[in-house]
């Protein structure tokens, strides 16, 4: 399997890398840096969405278990745009004080 064949899986590989980057950033940032984590996630996902519009060749990988065609790439791009819109709209909601979680002070009666 060559690099050209793996580039057919560009959407999946980029999303996996982005998930690992966001999880690493969540682990290694302090409480002050977590405010900017949602902005980082939106920017990262916007870059992935833009990369999805680059041309890619059609093909079949893994014995027919992965099929890439212009229609599947178009559907992945449409789903990415929808998810990006949701991410952008959620930034202000996630920034509210009532949506921050704190394990040291539960909000339910004990």
N, C-alpha and C. Protein backbone atom coordinates (compact mmCIF):
# COMPACT_ATOMS: atom_id res chain seq x y z
N UNK A 1 0.85 -1.17 0.00
CA UNK A 1 0.00 0.00 0.00
C UNK A 1 0.90 1.23 0.00
N UNK A 2 0.66 2.10 -0.94
CA UNK A 2 1.49 3.30 -1.08
C UNK A 2 0.83 4.49 -0.38
N UNK A 3 1.59 5.57 -0.31
CA UNK A 3 1.07 6.79 0.30
C UNK A 3 -0.09 7.36 -0.50
N UNK A 4 -0.03 7.18 -1.81
CA UNK A 4 -1.11 7.66 -2.68
C UNK A 4 -2.42 6.94 -2.37
N UNK A 5 -2.32 5.66 -2.06
CA UNK A 5 -3.52 4.91 -1.69
C UNK A 5 -4.07 5.38 -0.34
N UNK A 6 -3.19 5.65 0.59
CA UNK A 6 -3.64 6.11 1.90
C UNK A 6 -4.25 7.51 1.84
N UNK A 7 -3.84 8.31 0.87
CA UNK A 7 -4.41 9.65 0.74
C UNK A 7 -5.88 9.61 0.31
N UNK A 8 -6.34 8.47 -0.19
CA UNK A 8 -7.77 8.33 -0.47
C UNK A 8 -8.56 8.39 0.83
N UNK A 9 -7.94 8.02 1.94
CA UNK A 9 -8.58 8.04 3.24
C UNK A 9 -8.28 9.35 3.98
N UNK A 10 -8.11 10.42 3.25
CA UNK A 10 -7.70 11.70 3.82
C UNK A 10 -8.65 12.17 4.92
N UNK A 11 -9.95 12.08 4.70
CA UNK A 11 -10.91 12.55 5.70
C UNK A 11 -10.74 11.80 7.02
N UNK A 12 -10.67 10.50 6.94
CA UNK A 12 -10.59 9.69 8.15
C UNK A 12 -9.27 9.90 8.89
N UNK A 13 -8.18 9.97 8.15
CA UNK A 13 -6.87 10.16 8.77
C UNK A 13 -6.79 11.53 9.43
N UNK A 14 -7.26 12.58 8.75
CA UNK A 14 -7.21 13.92 9.32
C UNK A 14 -8.10 14.04 10.56
N UNK A 15 -9.26 13.42 10.54
CA UNK A 15 -10.14 13.47 11.71
C UNK A 15 -9.54 12.72 12.90
N UNK A 16 -8.85 11.63 12.64
CA UNK A 16 -8.18 10.89 13.71
C UNK A 16 -7.07 11.72 14.32
N UNK A 17 -6.27 12.37 13.47
CA UNK A 17 -5.19 13.23 13.96
C UNK A 17 -5.76 14.40 14.75
N UNK A 18 -6.86 14.99 14.26
CA UNK A 18 -7.47 16.11 14.97
C UNK A 18 -8.00 15.68 16.34
N UNK A 19 -8.61 14.51 16.40
CA UNK A 19 -9.11 14.03 17.70
C UNK A 19 -7.97 13.82 18.67
N UNK A 20 -6.86 13.28 18.20
CA UNK A 20 -5.71 13.09 19.07
C UNK A 20 -5.11 14.42 19.53
N UNK A 21 -5.08 15.41 18.63
CA UNK A 21 -4.56 16.73 19.00
C UNK A 21 -5.45 17.42 20.03
N UNK A 22 -6.76 17.33 19.85
CA UNK A 22 -7.68 17.96 20.80
C UNK A 22 -7.61 17.26 22.16
N UNK A 23 -7.55 15.95 22.15
CA UNK A 23 -7.43 15.22 23.42
C UNK A 23 -6.11 15.53 24.12
N UNK A 24 -5.03 15.62 23.37
CA UNK A 24 -3.74 15.99 23.96
C UNK A 24 -3.76 17.40 24.51
N UNK A 25 -4.37 18.31 23.78
CA UNK A 25 -4.47 19.69 24.26
C UNK A 25 -5.32 19.77 25.53
N UNK A 26 -6.37 18.97 25.60
CA UNK A 26 -7.22 18.93 26.78
C UNK A 26 -6.45 18.42 28.00
N UNK A 27 -5.62 17.43 27.78
CA UNK A 27 -4.86 16.84 28.89
C UNK A 27 -3.78 17.79 29.38
N UNK A 28 -3.05 18.42 28.47
CA UNK A 28 -1.86 19.16 28.85
C UNK A 28 -2.06 20.65 29.07
N UNK A 29 -3.25 21.18 28.91
CA UNK A 29 -3.48 22.60 29.19
C UNK A 29 -4.04 22.77 30.59
N UNK A 30 -3.74 23.92 31.16
CA UNK A 30 -4.29 24.24 32.46
C UNK A 30 -5.72 24.74 32.35
N UNK A 31 -6.27 25.15 33.49
CA UNK A 31 -7.66 25.62 33.48
C UNK A 31 -7.82 26.89 32.66
N UNK A 32 -6.83 27.76 32.64
CA UNK A 32 -6.93 28.99 31.86
C UNK A 32 -6.88 28.72 30.36
N UNK A 33 -6.15 27.72 29.94
CA UNK A 33 -6.02 27.40 28.53
C UNK A 33 -7.21 26.67 27.96
N UNK A 34 -8.04 26.10 28.81
CA UNK A 34 -9.20 25.34 28.32
C UNK A 34 -10.27 26.24 27.73
N UNK A 35 -10.19 27.54 28.02
CA UNK A 35 -11.15 28.46 27.42
C UNK A 35 -10.95 28.53 25.91
N UNK A 36 -9.72 28.36 25.48
CA UNK A 36 -9.39 28.49 24.07
C UNK A 36 -9.43 27.17 23.33
N UNK A 37 -9.75 26.10 24.02
CA UNK A 37 -9.75 24.79 23.40
C UNK A 37 -10.86 24.65 22.35
N UNK A 38 -12.00 25.25 22.59
CA UNK A 38 -13.08 25.17 21.61
C UNK A 38 -12.74 25.94 20.34
N UNK A 39 -12.06 27.08 20.49
CA UNK A 39 -11.61 27.84 19.31
C UNK A 39 -10.59 27.02 18.53
N UNK A 40 -9.67 26.37 19.25
CA UNK A 40 -8.67 25.52 18.61
C UNK A 40 -9.35 24.39 17.83
N UNK A 41 -10.38 23.80 18.42
CA UNK A 41 -11.09 22.71 17.75
C UNK A 41 -11.80 23.19 16.50
N UNK A 42 -12.40 24.37 16.56
CA UNK A 42 -13.10 24.91 15.39
C UNK A 42 -12.11 25.21 14.27
N UNK A 43 -10.99 25.81 14.60
CA UNK A 43 -9.99 26.14 13.58
C UNK A 43 -9.44 24.86 12.96
N UNK A 44 -9.15 23.88 13.78
CA UNK A 44 -8.63 22.61 13.29
C UNK A 44 -9.64 21.92 12.38
N UNK A 45 -10.90 21.92 12.77
CA UNK A 45 -11.92 21.29 11.94
C UNK A 45 -12.17 22.07 10.66
N UNK A 46 -12.03 23.41 10.71
CA UNK A 46 -12.17 24.21 9.50
C UNK A 46 -11.06 23.86 8.51
N UNK A 47 -9.86 23.64 9.00
CA UNK A 47 -8.75 23.24 8.12
C UNK A 47 -9.01 21.87 7.51
N UNK A 48 -9.55 20.96 8.29
CA UNK A 48 -9.88 19.63 7.77
C UNK A 48 -10.98 19.72 6.72
N UNK A 49 -11.96 20.57 6.96
CA UNK A 49 -13.04 20.75 5.99
C UNK A 49 -12.50 21.33 4.69
N UNK A 50 -11.60 22.31 4.79
CA UNK A 50 -11.00 22.89 3.59
C UNK A 50 -10.16 21.86 2.84
N UNK A 51 -9.44 21.02 3.58
CA UNK A 51 -8.62 19.98 2.95
C UNK A 51 -9.48 18.94 2.25
N UNK A 52 -10.71 18.80 2.67
CA UNK A 52 -11.61 17.83 2.04
C UNK A 52 -11.97 18.18 0.62
N UNK A 53 -11.82 19.44 0.24
CA UNK A 53 -12.17 19.86 -1.11
C UNK A 53 -11.01 19.73 -2.10
N UNK A 54 -9.85 19.30 -1.62
CA UNK A 54 -8.74 19.03 -2.53
C UNK A 54 -9.06 17.78 -3.34
N UNK A 55 -8.60 17.73 -4.58
CA UNK A 55 -8.95 16.56 -5.40
C UNK A 55 -8.30 15.29 -4.87
N UNK A 56 -9.04 14.21 -5.00
CA UNK A 56 -8.56 12.90 -4.57
C UNK A 56 -9.00 11.88 -5.62
N UNK A 57 -8.18 10.86 -5.81
CA UNK A 57 -8.54 9.86 -6.81
C UNK A 57 -9.52 8.85 -6.23
N UNK A 58 -10.26 8.23 -7.11
CA UNK A 58 -11.21 7.20 -6.71
C UNK A 58 -10.47 5.87 -6.60
N UNK A 59 -11.01 4.99 -5.78
CA UNK A 59 -10.38 3.68 -5.66
C UNK A 59 -11.02 2.84 -4.58
N UNK A 60 -10.48 1.65 -4.46
CA UNK A 60 -10.97 0.68 -3.48
C UNK A 60 -9.77 0.22 -2.66
N UNK A 61 -9.94 0.19 -1.35
CA UNK A 61 -8.87 -0.25 -0.45
C UNK A 61 -9.37 -1.38 0.42
N UNK A 62 -8.43 -2.11 1.00
CA UNK A 62 -8.70 -3.16 1.98
C UNK A 62 -9.68 -4.21 1.45
N UNK A 63 -9.45 -4.64 0.23
CA UNK A 63 -10.24 -5.72 -0.35
C UNK A 63 -11.70 -5.35 -0.57
N UNK A 64 -11.98 -4.10 -0.85
CA UNK A 64 -13.34 -3.66 -1.10
C UNK A 64 -14.08 -3.15 0.12
N UNK A 65 -13.41 -3.12 1.27
CA UNK A 65 -14.07 -2.65 2.49
C UNK A 65 -14.10 -1.12 2.57
N UNK A 66 -13.26 -0.45 1.79
CA UNK A 66 -13.25 1.02 1.74
C UNK A 66 -13.33 1.43 0.28
N UNK A 67 -14.36 2.18 -0.07
CA UNK A 67 -14.57 2.62 -1.44
C UNK A 67 -14.58 4.15 -1.45
N UNK A 68 -13.76 4.72 -2.32
CA UNK A 68 -13.73 6.17 -2.46
C UNK A 68 -14.15 6.54 -3.88
N UNK A 69 -15.13 7.41 -3.96
CA UNK A 69 -15.62 7.89 -5.26
C UNK A 69 -15.97 9.36 -5.10
N UNK A 70 -16.19 10.06 -6.21
CA UNK A 70 -16.56 11.48 -6.09
C UNK A 70 -17.83 11.71 -5.27
N UNK A 71 -18.76 10.79 -5.32
CA UNK A 71 -20.01 10.94 -4.57
C UNK A 71 -19.75 10.79 -3.06
N UNK A 72 -18.93 9.83 -2.67
CA UNK A 72 -18.65 9.66 -1.25
C UNK A 72 -17.86 10.84 -0.70
N UNK A 73 -16.93 11.37 -1.49
CA UNK A 73 -16.16 12.54 -1.06
C UNK A 73 -17.09 13.75 -0.93
N UNK A 74 -18.03 13.90 -1.85
CA UNK A 74 -19.00 15.00 -1.77
C UNK A 74 -19.84 14.89 -0.50
N UNK A 75 -20.31 13.68 -0.19
CA UNK A 75 -21.12 13.49 1.01
C UNK A 75 -20.30 13.76 2.28
N UNK A 76 -19.05 13.36 2.30
CA UNK A 76 -18.19 13.64 3.46
C UNK A 76 -17.98 15.14 3.61
N UNK A 77 -17.83 15.85 2.50
CA UNK A 77 -17.67 17.30 2.58
C UNK A 77 -18.93 17.99 3.08
N UNK A 78 -20.09 17.52 2.66
CA UNK A 78 -21.35 18.09 3.14
C UNK A 78 -21.51 17.85 4.64
N UNK A 79 -21.18 16.65 5.10
CA UNK A 79 -21.27 16.35 6.53
C UNK A 79 -20.27 17.19 7.31
N UNK A 80 -19.06 17.37 6.77
CA UNK A 80 -18.06 18.21 7.44
C UNK A 80 -18.52 19.66 7.55
N UNK A 81 -19.15 20.19 6.52
CA UNK A 81 -19.65 21.57 6.57
C UNK A 81 -20.73 21.69 7.64
N UNK A 82 -21.64 20.72 7.71
CA UNK A 82 -22.68 20.74 8.73
C UNK A 82 -22.10 20.67 10.13
N UNK A 83 -21.12 19.80 10.33
CA UNK A 83 -20.49 19.69 11.64
C UNK A 83 -19.72 20.96 11.99
N UNK A 84 -19.09 21.59 11.01
CA UNK A 84 -18.38 22.84 11.26
C UNK A 84 -19.34 23.95 11.69
N UNK A 85 -20.51 24.00 11.08
CA UNK A 85 -21.51 24.99 11.47
C UNK A 85 -21.95 24.76 12.92
N UNK A 86 -22.15 23.51 13.29
CA UNK A 86 -22.52 23.19 14.67
C UNK A 86 -21.41 23.58 15.63
N UNK A 87 -20.14 23.28 15.27
CA UNK A 87 -19.00 23.67 16.11
C UNK A 87 -18.94 25.17 16.30
N UNK A 88 -19.12 25.92 15.23
CA UNK A 88 -19.05 27.38 15.32
C UNK A 88 -20.16 27.92 16.22
N UNK A 89 -21.36 27.37 16.09
CA UNK A 89 -22.46 27.84 16.91
C UNK A 89 -22.32 27.43 18.37
N UNK A 90 -21.61 26.38 18.65
CA UNK A 90 -21.49 25.90 20.03
C UNK A 90 -20.43 26.63 20.84
N UNK A 91 -19.56 27.40 20.19
CA UNK A 91 -18.48 28.07 20.92
C UNK A 91 -19.03 29.03 21.97
N UNK A 92 -20.01 29.84 21.62
CA UNK A 92 -20.55 30.79 22.59
C UNK A 92 -21.31 30.06 23.70
N UNK A 93 -22.00 28.99 23.36
CA UNK A 93 -22.74 28.24 24.37
C UNK A 93 -21.79 27.56 25.35
N UNK A 94 -20.71 26.99 24.86
CA UNK A 94 -19.75 26.31 25.72
C UNK A 94 -18.98 27.28 26.61
N UNK A 95 -18.92 28.55 26.21
CA UNK A 95 -18.21 29.54 27.00
C UNK A 95 -18.98 30.04 28.20
N UNK A 96 -20.26 29.73 28.31
CA UNK A 96 -21.06 30.19 29.44
C UNK A 96 -20.64 29.49 30.72
N UNK A 97 -20.80 30.18 31.82
CA UNK A 97 -20.38 29.66 33.12
C UNK A 97 -21.17 28.42 33.52
N UNK A 98 -22.45 28.36 33.18
CA UNK A 98 -23.26 27.21 33.59
C UNK A 98 -22.89 25.92 32.85
N UNK A 99 -22.11 26.04 31.79
CA UNK A 99 -21.73 24.86 31.03
C UNK A 99 -20.33 24.36 31.35
N UNK A 100 -19.66 25.00 32.28
CA UNK A 100 -18.35 24.50 32.68
C UNK A 100 -18.55 23.46 33.77
N UNK A 101 -17.79 22.39 33.68
CA UNK A 101 -17.94 21.32 34.67
C UNK A 101 -16.85 21.44 35.71
N UNK A 102 -17.23 21.21 36.93
CA UNK A 102 -16.27 21.20 38.02
C UNK A 102 -16.60 20.01 38.89
N UNK A 103 -15.67 19.09 39.01
CA UNK A 103 -15.92 17.88 39.77
C UNK A 103 -15.82 18.13 41.27
N UNK A 104 -15.18 19.24 41.68
CA UNK A 104 -15.03 19.50 43.10
C UNK A 104 -16.28 20.08 43.73
N UNK A 105 -17.13 20.72 42.94
CA UNK A 105 -18.35 21.31 43.51
C UNK A 105 -19.56 20.82 42.70
N UNK A 106 -20.17 19.73 43.13
CA UNK A 106 -21.33 19.22 42.38
C UNK A 106 -22.50 20.18 42.48
N UNK A 107 -23.33 20.17 41.45
CA UNK A 107 -24.46 21.10 41.37
C UNK A 107 -25.76 20.43 41.77
N UNK A 108 -25.72 19.25 42.24
CA UNK A 108 -26.94 18.57 42.67
C UNK A 108 -26.92 18.40 44.19
N UNK A 109 -28.09 18.32 44.80
CA UNK A 109 -28.12 18.15 46.26
C UNK A 109 -27.59 16.79 46.65
N UNK A 110 -26.88 16.80 47.77
CA UNK A 110 -26.28 15.55 48.24
C UNK A 110 -27.13 14.93 49.31
